[in-house]
Amino acid sequence: MAVAFSLLVMAQEKTKQKEVGLSFSNLDEFGITYKVGTQKAMWRFNTLLLTGGKNTLKYPEQAKVINNNFGFDLMVGREYRTSIDDNFEFRCGFDIVYGYSSVKREDKTSLDTQDWMTTKNSTSKYGFNFVLGFNYTINHKLVLGAEVLPGINFQDGEVKKSYNYGNEETTDISGSRYGLKNSSVLLTLAYRF
């Protein structure tokens, strides 16, 4: 009787599973993915890593343009998995999304170095994505995944232009977006342990 009870308890325990890997959106942005849970349901933590840069364009008239940019996206959610065969799994679920981006551009556009304009564009986005995808298990440890993320996102932001002579202009760029686009496809390569 005790043996039967212990076998029943062991059969009800779910195998814990973790995955860590790289994710690619539109094959030009990459990030890190971490998942934890069971074979049937996992919590998802994704970041499309920090993007940033600075470049300076110098023109023959000694005018120049300086660009600085920075941004990141974070996604947290839940996914449910159904085995199709030994190597394929169907995945569905949801993500809650937050992102931030900032772009600053300084234009010194004439021979007079006192003549300049600075443009700052900063946006925050938040929203909700549905997750529909597949996993292919390469071996016991490596998993290749593909998913589409249709959803709705809201954006709060503004563009602020400042001129050397004291004028300043601010434009609201808030709005919303929904649907599915090519950057809504996410590919992952993960190590399972």
N, C-alpha and C. Protein backbone atom coordinates (compact mmCIF):
# COMPACT_ATOMS: atom_id res chain seq x y z
N MET A 1 0.81 -1.19 0.00
CA MET A 1 0.00 0.00 0.00
C MET A 1 0.86 1.26 0.00
N ALA A 2 1.91 1.29 0.84
CA ALA A 2 2.81 2.45 0.91
C ALA A 2 3.54 2.64 -0.42
N VAL A 3 3.93 1.53 -1.07
CA VAL A 3 4.61 1.62 -2.36
C VAL A 3 3.67 2.20 -3.42
N ALA A 4 2.42 1.76 -3.43
CA ALA A 4 1.45 2.26 -4.40
C ALA A 4 1.21 3.76 -4.18
N PHE A 5 1.12 4.19 -2.91
CA PHE A 5 0.91 5.61 -2.61
C PHE A 5 2.10 6.45 -3.06
N SER A 6 3.34 5.97 -2.81
CA SER A 6 4.52 6.74 -3.23
C SER A 6 4.63 6.82 -4.75
N LEU A 7 4.25 5.75 -5.45
CA LEU A 7 4.25 5.78 -6.92
C LEU A 7 3.20 6.77 -7.43
N LEU A 8 2.04 6.84 -6.77
CA LEU A 8 1.00 7.78 -7.16
C LEU A 8 1.47 9.22 -6.96
N VAL A 9 2.13 9.50 -5.85
CA VAL A 9 2.64 10.84 -5.58
C VAL A 9 3.70 11.21 -6.61
N MET A 10 4.62 10.26 -6.92
CA MET A 10 5.66 10.54 -7.91
C MET A 10 5.06 10.77 -9.29
N ALA A 11 4.00 10.07 -9.63
CA ALA A 11 3.38 10.24 -10.94
C ALA A 11 2.71 11.60 -11.06
N GLN A 12 2.23 12.15 -9.92
CA GLN A 12 1.56 13.44 -9.96
C GLN A 12 2.54 14.60 -9.99
N GLU A 13 3.79 14.38 -9.54
CA GLU A 13 4.78 15.45 -9.58
C GLU A 13 5.12 15.78 -11.03
N LYS A 14 5.21 17.05 -11.32
CA LYS A 14 5.54 17.47 -12.68
C LYS A 14 7.03 17.73 -12.76
N THR A 15 7.60 17.39 -13.89
CA THR A 15 9.03 17.59 -14.09
C THR A 15 9.31 19.08 -14.26
N LYS A 16 10.18 19.62 -13.41
CA LYS A 16 10.57 21.03 -13.52
C LYS A 16 11.53 21.18 -14.69
N GLN A 17 11.43 22.30 -15.36
CA GLN A 17 12.24 22.52 -16.55
C GLN A 17 12.60 24.00 -16.64
N LYS A 18 13.81 24.28 -17.13
CA LYS A 18 14.26 25.66 -17.34
C LYS A 18 14.89 25.73 -18.72
N GLU A 19 14.78 26.92 -19.33
CA GLU A 19 15.42 27.17 -20.62
C GLU A 19 16.03 28.56 -20.60
N VAL A 20 17.21 28.68 -21.15
CA VAL A 20 17.84 29.99 -21.31
C VAL A 20 18.42 30.04 -22.72
N GLY A 21 18.30 31.19 -23.38
CA GLY A 21 18.80 31.24 -24.75
C GLY A 21 18.77 32.63 -25.35
N LEU A 22 18.97 32.66 -26.65
CA LEU A 22 18.97 33.90 -27.42
C LEU A 22 17.69 33.99 -28.22
N SER A 23 17.18 35.20 -28.34
CA SER A 23 15.99 35.43 -29.16
C SER A 23 16.32 36.47 -30.23
N PHE A 24 15.69 36.32 -31.38
CA PHE A 24 15.92 37.22 -32.52
C PHE A 24 14.58 37.70 -33.04
N SER A 25 14.44 39.01 -33.19
CA SER A 25 13.23 39.58 -33.75
C SER A 25 13.59 40.20 -35.09
N ASN A 26 12.89 39.77 -36.13
CA ASN A 26 13.12 40.31 -37.47
C ASN A 26 14.57 40.13 -37.93
N LEU A 27 15.27 39.22 -37.32
CA LEU A 27 16.66 38.84 -37.61
C LEU A 27 17.66 40.00 -37.49
N ASP A 28 17.26 41.13 -36.88
CA ASP A 28 18.23 42.21 -36.71
C ASP A 28 18.27 42.75 -35.27
N GLU A 29 17.34 42.34 -34.42
CA GLU A 29 17.38 42.69 -33.01
C GLU A 29 17.47 41.40 -32.23
N PHE A 30 18.29 41.38 -31.20
CA PHE A 30 18.43 40.15 -30.44
C PHE A 30 18.31 40.43 -28.95
N GLY A 31 18.08 39.38 -28.20
CA GLY A 31 17.91 39.52 -26.76
C GLY A 31 18.12 38.19 -26.07
N ILE A 32 17.69 38.15 -24.83
CA ILE A 32 17.85 36.96 -23.99
C ILE A 32 16.47 36.49 -23.58
N THR A 33 16.28 35.17 -23.53
CA THR A 33 15.03 34.59 -23.08
C THR A 33 15.33 33.62 -21.93
N TYR A 34 14.46 33.63 -20.95
CA TYR A 34 14.56 32.70 -19.82
C TYR A 34 13.16 32.19 -19.53
N LYS A 35 13.01 30.87 -19.42
CA LYS A 35 11.71 30.26 -19.15
C LYS A 35 11.86 29.25 -18.02
N VAL A 36 10.87 29.18 -17.18
CA VAL A 36 10.90 28.25 -16.06
C VAL A 36 9.48 27.71 -15.83
N GLY A 37 9.38 26.43 -15.51
CA GLY A 37 8.08 25.83 -15.28
C GLY A 37 8.13 24.33 -15.44
N THR A 38 7.09 23.80 -16.09
CA THR A 38 7.00 22.36 -16.34
C THR A 38 6.96 22.12 -17.84
N GLN A 39 6.87 20.86 -18.22
CA GLN A 39 6.80 20.54 -19.65
C GLN A 39 5.51 21.06 -20.29
N LYS A 40 4.49 21.33 -19.51
CA LYS A 40 3.19 21.77 -20.04
C LYS A 40 2.98 23.28 -19.97
N ALA A 41 3.60 23.96 -18.99
CA ALA A 41 3.37 25.40 -18.83
C ALA A 41 4.63 26.06 -18.26
N MET A 42 5.02 27.19 -18.85
CA MET A 42 6.23 27.88 -18.42
C MET A 42 5.99 29.38 -18.30
N TRP A 43 6.67 29.99 -17.34
CA TRP A 43 6.74 31.44 -17.25
C TRP A 43 7.82 31.92 -18.20
N ARG A 44 7.57 33.01 -18.91
CA ARG A 44 8.48 33.54 -19.93
C ARG A 44 9.01 34.91 -19.49
N PHE A 45 10.32 35.10 -19.66
CA PHE A 45 10.96 36.38 -19.39
C PHE A 45 11.87 36.67 -20.58
N ASN A 46 11.50 37.68 -21.37
CA ASN A 46 12.26 38.01 -22.58
C ASN A 46 12.68 39.46 -22.55
N THR A 47 13.86 39.72 -23.06
CA THR A 47 14.29 41.08 -23.29
C THR A 47 14.90 41.15 -24.67
N LEU A 48 14.46 42.13 -25.45
CA LEU A 48 15.17 42.44 -26.68
C LEU A 48 16.18 43.47 -26.23
N LEU A 49 17.40 43.05 -26.23
CA LEU A 49 18.46 43.74 -25.51
C LEU A 49 18.60 45.20 -25.85
N LEU A 50 19.31 45.84 -25.00
CA LEU A 50 19.59 47.26 -25.17
C LEU A 50 20.08 47.55 -26.58
N THR A 51 19.52 48.56 -27.16
CA THR A 51 20.04 49.04 -28.43
C THR A 51 20.55 50.46 -28.19
N GLY A 52 21.59 50.80 -28.82
CA GLY A 52 22.12 52.14 -28.62
C GLY A 52 23.25 52.43 -29.58
N GLY A 53 23.60 53.69 -29.64
CA GLY A 53 24.70 54.06 -30.50
C GLY A 53 24.87 55.55 -30.58
N LYS A 54 25.97 55.94 -31.15
CA LYS A 54 26.26 57.35 -31.38
C LYS A 54 27.03 57.45 -32.69
N ASN A 55 26.64 58.41 -33.52
CA ASN A 55 27.41 58.65 -34.73
C ASN A 55 27.42 60.15 -35.02
N THR A 56 28.46 60.55 -35.70
CA THR A 56 28.64 61.95 -36.06
C THR A 56 28.86 62.04 -37.56
N LEU A 57 28.08 62.89 -38.20
CA LEU A 57 28.22 63.14 -39.63
C LEU A 57 28.83 64.53 -39.81
N LYS A 58 29.95 64.60 -40.49
CA LYS A 58 30.59 65.89 -40.75
C LYS A 58 30.50 66.19 -42.24
N TYR A 59 30.13 67.42 -42.54
CA TYR A 59 29.95 67.84 -43.92
C TYR A 59 31.09 68.77 -44.32
N PRO A 60 31.34 68.94 -45.62
CA PRO A 60 32.44 69.80 -46.08
C PRO A 60 32.35 71.23 -45.58
N GLU A 61 31.14 71.72 -45.33
CA GLU A 61 31.00 73.11 -44.87
C GLU A 61 31.25 73.23 -43.37
N GLN A 62 31.79 72.20 -42.75
CA GLN A 62 32.08 72.12 -41.32
C GLN A 62 30.83 72.01 -40.47
N ALA A 63 29.69 71.81 -41.09
CA ALA A 63 28.48 71.53 -40.33
C ALA A 63 28.53 70.07 -39.90
N LYS A 64 27.81 69.73 -38.82
CA LYS A 64 27.81 68.33 -38.40
C LYS A 64 26.48 67.98 -37.73
N VAL A 65 26.18 66.67 -37.73
CA VAL A 65 24.99 66.12 -37.10
C VAL A 65 25.45 65.02 -36.17
N ILE A 66 25.01 65.08 -34.91
CA ILE A 66 25.37 64.06 -33.91
C ILE A 66 24.08 63.35 -33.51
N ASN A 67 24.07 62.02 -33.62
CA ASN A 67 22.92 61.20 -33.24
C ASN A 67 23.28 60.30 -32.07
N ASN A 68 22.45 60.25 -31.05
CA ASN A 68 22.56 59.32 -29.92
C ASN A 68 21.23 58.60 -29.79
N ASN A 69 21.27 57.27 -29.59
CA ASN A 69 20.02 56.55 -29.37
C ASN A 69 20.19 55.45 -28.35
N PHE A 70 19.08 55.09 -27.69
CA PHE A 70 19.08 54.08 -26.65
C PHE A 70 17.68 53.48 -26.58
N GLY A 71 17.58 52.17 -26.31
CA GLY A 71 16.27 51.56 -26.16
C GLY A 71 16.33 50.13 -25.65
N PHE A 72 15.19 49.63 -25.17
CA PHE A 72 15.08 48.24 -24.73
C PHE A 72 13.60 47.84 -24.72
N ASP A 73 13.35 46.54 -24.78
CA ASP A 73 12.01 45.96 -24.64
C ASP A 73 12.07 44.83 -23.63
N LEU A 74 11.07 44.74 -22.77
CA LEU A 74 10.93 43.65 -21.80
C LEU A 74 9.57 43.00 -22.00
N MET A 75 9.53 41.66 -21.91
CA MET A 75 8.27 40.93 -22.03
C MET A 75 8.23 39.86 -20.94
N VAL A 76 7.11 39.79 -20.24
CA VAL A 76 6.90 38.77 -19.21
C VAL A 76 5.56 38.12 -19.48
N GLY A 77 5.53 36.78 -19.44
CA GLY A 77 4.27 36.12 -19.75
C GLY A 77 4.24 34.66 -19.38
N ARG A 78 3.27 33.98 -19.92
CA ARG A 78 3.04 32.57 -19.63
C ARG A 78 2.77 31.86 -20.95
N GLU A 79 3.32 30.66 -21.10
CA GLU A 79 3.05 29.87 -22.31
C GLU A 79 2.66 28.46 -21.91
N TYR A 80 1.81 27.86 -22.73
CA TYR A 80 1.33 26.49 -22.51
C TYR A 80 1.76 25.67 -23.71
N ARG A 81 2.21 24.44 -23.43
CA ARG A 81 2.78 23.60 -24.48
C ARG A 81 2.01 22.30 -24.63
N THR A 82 1.88 21.87 -25.88
CA THR A 82 1.27 20.59 -26.21
C THR A 82 2.22 19.85 -27.14
N SER A 83 2.55 18.63 -26.81
CA SER A 83 3.45 17.83 -27.62
C SER A 83 2.71 17.34 -28.87
N ILE A 84 3.34 17.56 -30.04
CA ILE A 84 2.78 17.08 -31.30
C ILE A 84 3.37 15.72 -31.65
N ASP A 85 4.68 15.60 -31.50
CA ASP A 85 5.37 14.31 -31.60
C ASP A 85 6.63 14.41 -30.74
N ASP A 86 7.58 13.50 -30.95
CA ASP A 86 8.77 13.47 -30.09
C ASP A 86 9.60 14.75 -30.16
N ASN A 87 9.61 15.42 -31.29
CA ASN A 87 10.47 16.60 -31.46
C ASN A 87 9.72 17.92 -31.58
N PHE A 88 8.41 17.93 -31.79
CA PHE A 88 7.66 19.17 -32.00
C PHE A 88 6.70 19.44 -30.85
N GLU A 89 6.63 20.72 -30.47
CA GLU A 89 5.67 21.18 -29.47
C GLU A 89 4.94 22.40 -30.03
N PHE A 90 3.65 22.47 -29.78
CA PHE A 90 2.87 23.67 -30.08
C PHE A 90 2.85 24.53 -28.82
N ARG A 91 3.00 25.87 -28.99
CA ARG A 91 3.00 26.78 -27.85
C ARG A 91 1.96 27.87 -28.06
N CYS A 92 1.25 28.22 -26.99
CA CYS A 92 0.36 29.37 -27.02
C CYS A 92 0.37 30.03 -25.64
N GLY A 93 0.09 31.32 -25.61
CA GLY A 93 0.10 32.02 -24.34
C GLY A 93 -0.01 33.51 -24.53
N PHE A 94 0.63 34.28 -23.63
CA PHE A 94 0.54 35.74 -23.67
C PHE A 94 1.79 36.36 -23.06
N ASP A 95 2.03 37.61 -23.40
CA ASP A 95 3.12 38.42 -22.82
C ASP A 95 2.56 39.79 -22.46
N ILE A 96 3.07 40.34 -21.38
CA ILE A 96 2.86 41.75 -21.07
C ILE A 96 4.15 42.44 -21.48
N VAL A 97 4.05 43.58 -22.19
CA VAL A 97 5.20 44.20 -22.84
C VAL A 97 5.44 45.60 -22.29
N TYR A 98 6.72 45.94 -22.11
CA TYR A 98 7.11 47.32 -21.81
C TYR A 98 8.38 47.63 -22.61
N GLY A 99 8.45 48.80 -23.18
CA GLY A 99 9.63 49.22 -23.94
C GLY A 99 9.90 50.70 -23.78
N TYR A 100 11.12 51.07 -24.00
CA TYR A 100 11.51 52.49 -23.91
C TYR A 100 12.53 52.78 -25.00
N SER A 101 12.43 53.95 -25.61
CA SER A 101 13.45 54.36 -26.57
C SER A 101 13.65 55.87 -26.49
N SER A 102 14.88 56.26 -26.75
CA SER A 102 15.24 57.68 -26.72
C SER A 102 16.21 57.95 -27.86
N VAL A 103 15.94 59.02 -28.61
CA VAL A 103 16.82 59.43 -29.71
C VAL A 103 17.09 60.92 -29.55
N LYS A 104 18.34 61.29 -29.59
CA LYS A 104 18.72 62.70 -29.51
C LYS A 104 19.56 63.03 -30.74
N ARG A 105 19.21 64.12 -31.41
CA ARG A 105 19.92 64.55 -32.61
C ARG A 105 20.28 66.02 -32.46
N GLU A 106 21.57 66.31 -32.66
CA GLU A 106 22.04 67.69 -32.62
C GLU A 106 22.48 68.08 -34.02
N ASP A 107 21.89 69.15 -34.54
CA ASP A 107 22.22 69.65 -35.87
C ASP A 107 22.95 70.98 -35.75
N LYS A 108 24.17 71.01 -36.24
CA LYS A 108 24.91 72.27 -36.36
C LYS A 108 25.07 72.45 -37.87
N THR A 109 24.10 73.12 -38.45
CA THR A 109 23.92 73.03 -39.91
C THR A 109 24.46 74.20 -40.71
N SER A 110 25.26 75.07 -40.12
CA SER A 110 25.78 76.17 -40.93
C SER A 110 27.23 76.43 -40.54
N LEU A 111 27.88 77.31 -41.26
CA LEU A 111 29.26 77.68 -40.93
C LEU A 111 29.34 78.39 -39.59
N ASP A 112 28.26 79.02 -39.19
CA ASP A 112 28.21 79.69 -37.90
C ASP A 112 27.93 78.64 -36.84
N THR A 113 28.91 78.32 -35.99
CA THR A 113 28.75 77.26 -35.00
C THR A 113 27.73 77.64 -33.93
N GLN A 114 27.28 78.88 -33.90
CA GLN A 114 26.26 79.30 -32.94
C GLN A 114 24.86 78.89 -33.40
N ASP A 115 24.71 78.47 -34.64
CA ASP A 115 23.42 78.09 -35.18
C ASP A 115 23.24 76.59 -35.01
N TRP A 116 22.35 76.15 -34.11
CA TRP A 116 22.14 74.73 -33.88
C TRP A 116 20.71 74.44 -33.46
N MET A 117 20.35 73.16 -33.57
CA MET A 117 19.03 72.68 -33.16
C MET A 117 19.22 71.30 -32.53
N THR A 118 18.53 71.03 -31.43
CA THR A 118 18.55 69.72 -30.78
C THR A 118 17.14 69.14 -30.82
N THR A 119 17.03 67.89 -31.27
CA THR A 119 15.74 67.19 -31.30
C THR A 119 15.84 65.99 -30.37
N LYS A 120 14.93 65.88 -29.41
CA LYS A 120 14.88 64.73 -28.50
C LYS A 120 13.55 64.02 -28.70
N ASN A 121 13.61 62.74 -28.98
CA ASN A 121 12.43 61.92 -29.21
C ASN A 121 12.46 60.81 -28.16
N SER A 122 11.52 60.78 -27.23
CA SER A 122 11.48 59.72 -26.23
C SER A 122 10.09 59.11 -26.18
N THR A 123 10.04 57.76 -26.15
CA THR A 123 8.76 57.04 -26.13
C THR A 123 8.81 55.89 -25.14
N SER A 124 7.69 55.63 -24.52
CA SER A 124 7.47 54.44 -23.71
C SER A 124 6.31 53.69 -24.33
N LYS A 125 6.45 52.38 -24.44
CA LYS A 125 5.34 51.60 -24.97
C LYS A 125 5.01 50.48 -23.98
N TYR A 126 3.75 50.13 -23.95
CA TYR A 126 3.30 49.04 -23.11
C TYR A 126 2.13 48.37 -23.82
N GLY A 127 1.95 47.08 -23.51
CA GLY A 127 0.88 46.40 -24.22
C GLY A 127 0.78 44.94 -23.85
N PHE A 128 0.13 44.20 -24.72
CA PHE A 128 -0.21 42.80 -24.50
C PHE A 128 -0.04 42.07 -25.83
N ASN A 129 0.68 40.94 -25.80
CA ASN A 129 0.86 40.10 -27.00
C ASN A 129 0.28 38.73 -26.75
N PHE A 130 -0.33 38.15 -27.77
CA PHE A 130 -0.65 36.74 -27.77
C PHE A 130 0.57 36.00 -28.30
N VAL A 131 0.77 34.77 -27.88
CA VAL A 131 1.91 33.96 -28.31
C VAL A 131 1.37 32.72 -29.02
N LEU A 132 1.78 32.53 -30.28
CA LEU A 132 1.46 31.32 -31.04
C LEU A 132 2.73 30.84 -31.70
N GLY A 133 3.15 29.60 -31.39
CA GLY A 133 4.41 29.15 -31.96
C GLY A 133 4.65 27.66 -31.82
N PHE A 134 5.86 27.28 -32.24
CA PHE A 134 6.29 25.89 -32.22
C PHE A 134 7.70 25.80 -31.68
N ASN A 135 8.01 24.67 -31.06
CA ASN A 135 9.38 24.32 -30.67
C ASN A 135 9.79 23.08 -31.43
N TYR A 136 11.04 23.06 -31.83
CA TYR A 136 11.64 21.85 -32.39
C TYR A 136 12.81 21.47 -31.47
N THR A 137 12.76 20.28 -30.89
CA THR A 137 13.81 19.82 -30.00
C THR A 137 14.91 19.18 -30.83
N ILE A 138 16.06 19.84 -30.89
CA ILE A 138 17.20 19.35 -31.67
C ILE A 138 17.79 18.11 -31.01
N ASN A 139 18.01 18.20 -29.70
CA ASN A 139 18.39 17.07 -28.88
C ASN A 139 17.82 17.31 -27.48
N HIS A 140 18.21 16.57 -26.49
CA HIS A 140 17.63 16.71 -25.15
C HIS A 140 17.87 18.10 -24.55
N LYS A 141 18.89 18.80 -25.02
CA LYS A 141 19.29 20.07 -24.41
C LYS A 141 19.04 21.30 -25.28
N LEU A 142 18.98 21.17 -26.59
CA LEU A 142 18.83 22.33 -27.47
C LEU A 142 17.43 22.38 -28.09
N VAL A 143 16.83 23.58 -28.03
CA VAL A 143 15.48 23.78 -28.54
C VAL A 143 15.48 24.98 -29.48
N LEU A 144 14.92 24.80 -30.66
CA LEU A 144 14.76 25.87 -31.64
C LEU A 144 13.28 26.23 -31.67
N GLY A 145 12.96 27.52 -31.47
CA GLY A 145 11.57 27.93 -31.42
C GLY A 145 11.26 29.06 -32.39
N ALA A 146 10.00 29.13 -32.80
CA ALA A 146 9.52 30.22 -33.65
C ALA A 146 8.11 30.56 -33.17
N GLU A 147 7.84 31.87 -33.09
CA GLU A 147 6.52 32.28 -32.65
C GLU A 147 6.13 33.60 -33.28
N VAL A 148 4.83 33.80 -33.41
CA VAL A 148 4.30 35.10 -33.83
C VAL A 148 3.62 35.72 -32.62
N LEU A 149 3.66 37.07 -32.58
CA LEU A 149 3.19 37.79 -31.40
C LEU A 149 2.17 38.87 -31.80
N PRO A 150 0.98 38.47 -32.25
CA PRO A 150 -0.02 39.51 -32.52
C PRO A 150 -0.45 40.15 -31.21
N GLY A 151 -0.76 41.43 -31.25
CA GLY A 151 -1.15 42.07 -30.01
C GLY A 151 -1.52 43.52 -30.19
N ILE A 152 -1.62 44.19 -29.05
CA ILE A 152 -1.95 45.61 -29.04
C ILE A 152 -0.94 46.32 -28.14
N ASN A 153 -0.43 47.45 -28.64
CA ASN A 153 0.55 48.23 -27.89
C ASN A 153 0.13 49.70 -27.87
N PHE A 154 0.38 50.33 -26.75
CA PHE A 154 0.12 51.76 -26.59
C PHE A 154 1.45 52.47 -26.44
N GLN A 155 1.53 53.70 -26.92
CA GLN A 155 2.78 54.46 -26.89
C GLN A 155 2.52 55.84 -26.32
N ASP A 156 3.35 56.22 -25.35
CA ASP A 156 3.37 57.59 -24.84
C ASP A 156 4.70 58.19 -25.24
N GLY A 157 4.68 59.37 -25.82
CA GLY A 157 5.95 59.96 -26.20
C GLY A 157 5.81 61.38 -26.69
N GLU A 158 6.98 61.99 -26.86
CA GLU A 158 7.02 63.35 -27.36
C GLU A 158 8.30 63.60 -28.12
N VAL A 159 8.23 64.56 -29.01
CA VAL A 159 9.40 65.06 -29.72
C VAL A 159 9.57 66.51 -29.29
N LYS A 160 10.76 66.81 -28.77
CA LYS A 160 11.04 68.17 -28.30
C LYS A 160 12.17 68.75 -29.12
N LYS A 161 11.93 69.91 -29.76
CA LYS A 161 12.95 70.60 -30.55
C LYS A 161 13.36 71.87 -29.81
N SER A 162 14.67 72.03 -29.63
CA SER A 162 15.22 73.23 -28.97
C SER A 162 16.17 73.92 -29.95
N TYR A 163 16.07 75.25 -30.02
CA TYR A 163 16.92 76.04 -30.91
C TYR A 163 17.84 76.93 -30.08
N ASN A 164 18.98 77.27 -30.66
CA ASN A 164 19.96 78.08 -29.92
C ASN A 164 19.43 79.45 -29.55
N TYR A 165 18.46 79.96 -30.26
CA TYR A 165 17.94 81.30 -29.97
C TYR A 165 16.79 81.25 -28.96
N GLY A 166 16.58 80.09 -28.30
CA GLY A 166 15.66 80.03 -27.18
C GLY A 166 14.30 79.43 -27.45
N ASN A 167 13.90 79.27 -28.69
CA ASN A 167 12.58 78.69 -28.97
C ASN A 167 12.60 77.19 -28.70
N GLU A 168 11.42 76.67 -28.32
CA GLU A 168 11.28 75.24 -28.07
C GLU A 168 9.91 74.80 -28.57
N GLU A 169 9.87 73.65 -29.26
CA GLU A 169 8.62 73.09 -29.77
C GLU A 169 8.47 71.67 -29.23
N THR A 170 7.27 71.32 -28.79
CA THR A 170 7.01 69.96 -28.29
C THR A 170 5.83 69.39 -29.07
N THR A 171 6.00 68.17 -29.57
CA THR A 171 4.95 67.47 -30.31
C THR A 171 4.65 66.15 -29.62
N ASP A 172 3.37 65.89 -29.37
CA ASP A 172 2.94 64.63 -28.75
C ASP A 172 2.89 63.55 -29.82
N ILE A 173 3.51 62.39 -29.55
CA ILE A 173 3.48 61.28 -30.50
C ILE A 173 2.87 60.03 -29.87
N SER A 174 1.90 60.23 -28.97
CA SER A 174 1.22 59.10 -28.32
C SER A 174 0.26 58.45 -29.29
N GLY A 175 -0.02 57.17 -29.06
CA GLY A 175 -0.95 56.46 -29.93
C GLY A 175 -1.05 55.00 -29.57
N SER A 176 -1.63 54.23 -30.44
CA SER A 176 -1.76 52.79 -30.24
C SER A 176 -1.56 52.06 -31.55
N ARG A 177 -1.20 50.79 -31.42
CA ARG A 177 -0.97 49.94 -32.58
C ARG A 177 -1.49 48.55 -32.25
N TYR A 178 -2.08 47.87 -33.22
CA TYR A 178 -2.53 46.50 -32.99
C TYR A 178 -2.33 45.69 -34.26
N GLY A 179 -2.34 44.38 -34.10
CA GLY A 179 -2.24 43.50 -35.25
C GLY A 179 -0.96 42.69 -35.24
N LEU A 180 -0.54 42.30 -36.42
CA LEU A 180 0.63 41.44 -36.62
C LEU A 180 1.48 42.07 -37.71
N LYS A 181 2.78 42.21 -37.45
CA LYS A 181 3.69 42.75 -38.46
C LYS A 181 4.95 41.89 -38.49
N ASN A 182 5.84 42.14 -39.44
CA ASN A 182 7.00 41.26 -39.61
C ASN A 182 7.93 41.30 -38.40
N SER A 183 7.99 42.41 -37.64
CA SER A 183 8.84 42.43 -36.46
C SER A 183 8.18 41.74 -35.28
N SER A 184 6.97 41.19 -35.46
CA SER A 184 6.28 40.45 -34.42
C SER A 184 6.66 38.97 -34.43
N VAL A 185 7.61 38.57 -35.25
CA VAL A 185 8.07 37.18 -35.29
C VAL A 185 9.31 37.07 -34.43
N LEU A 186 9.32 36.09 -33.54
CA LEU A 186 10.45 35.88 -32.64
C LEU A 186 11.00 34.47 -32.82
N LEU A 187 12.30 34.37 -33.09
CA LEU A 187 13.00 33.09 -33.19
C LEU A 187 13.88 32.93 -31.96
N THR A 188 13.94 31.71 -31.41
CA THR A 188 14.77 31.48 -30.23
C THR A 188 15.60 30.21 -30.40
N LEU A 189 16.77 30.25 -29.80
CA LEU A 189 17.62 29.08 -29.66
C LEU A 189 17.95 28.98 -28.18
N ALA A 190 17.47 27.92 -27.53
CA ALA A 190 17.56 27.82 -26.07
C ALA A 190 18.22 26.52 -25.62
N TYR A 191 18.86 26.62 -24.46
CA TYR A 191 19.45 25.46 -23.80
C TYR A 191 18.51 25.05 -22.68
N ARG A 192 18.09 23.79 -22.69
CA ARG A 192 17.12 23.27 -21.71
C ARG A 192 17.86 22.52 -20.62
N PHE A 193 17.50 22.81 -19.38
CA PHE A 193 18.11 22.09 -18.24
C PHE A 193 17.09 21.91 -17.11
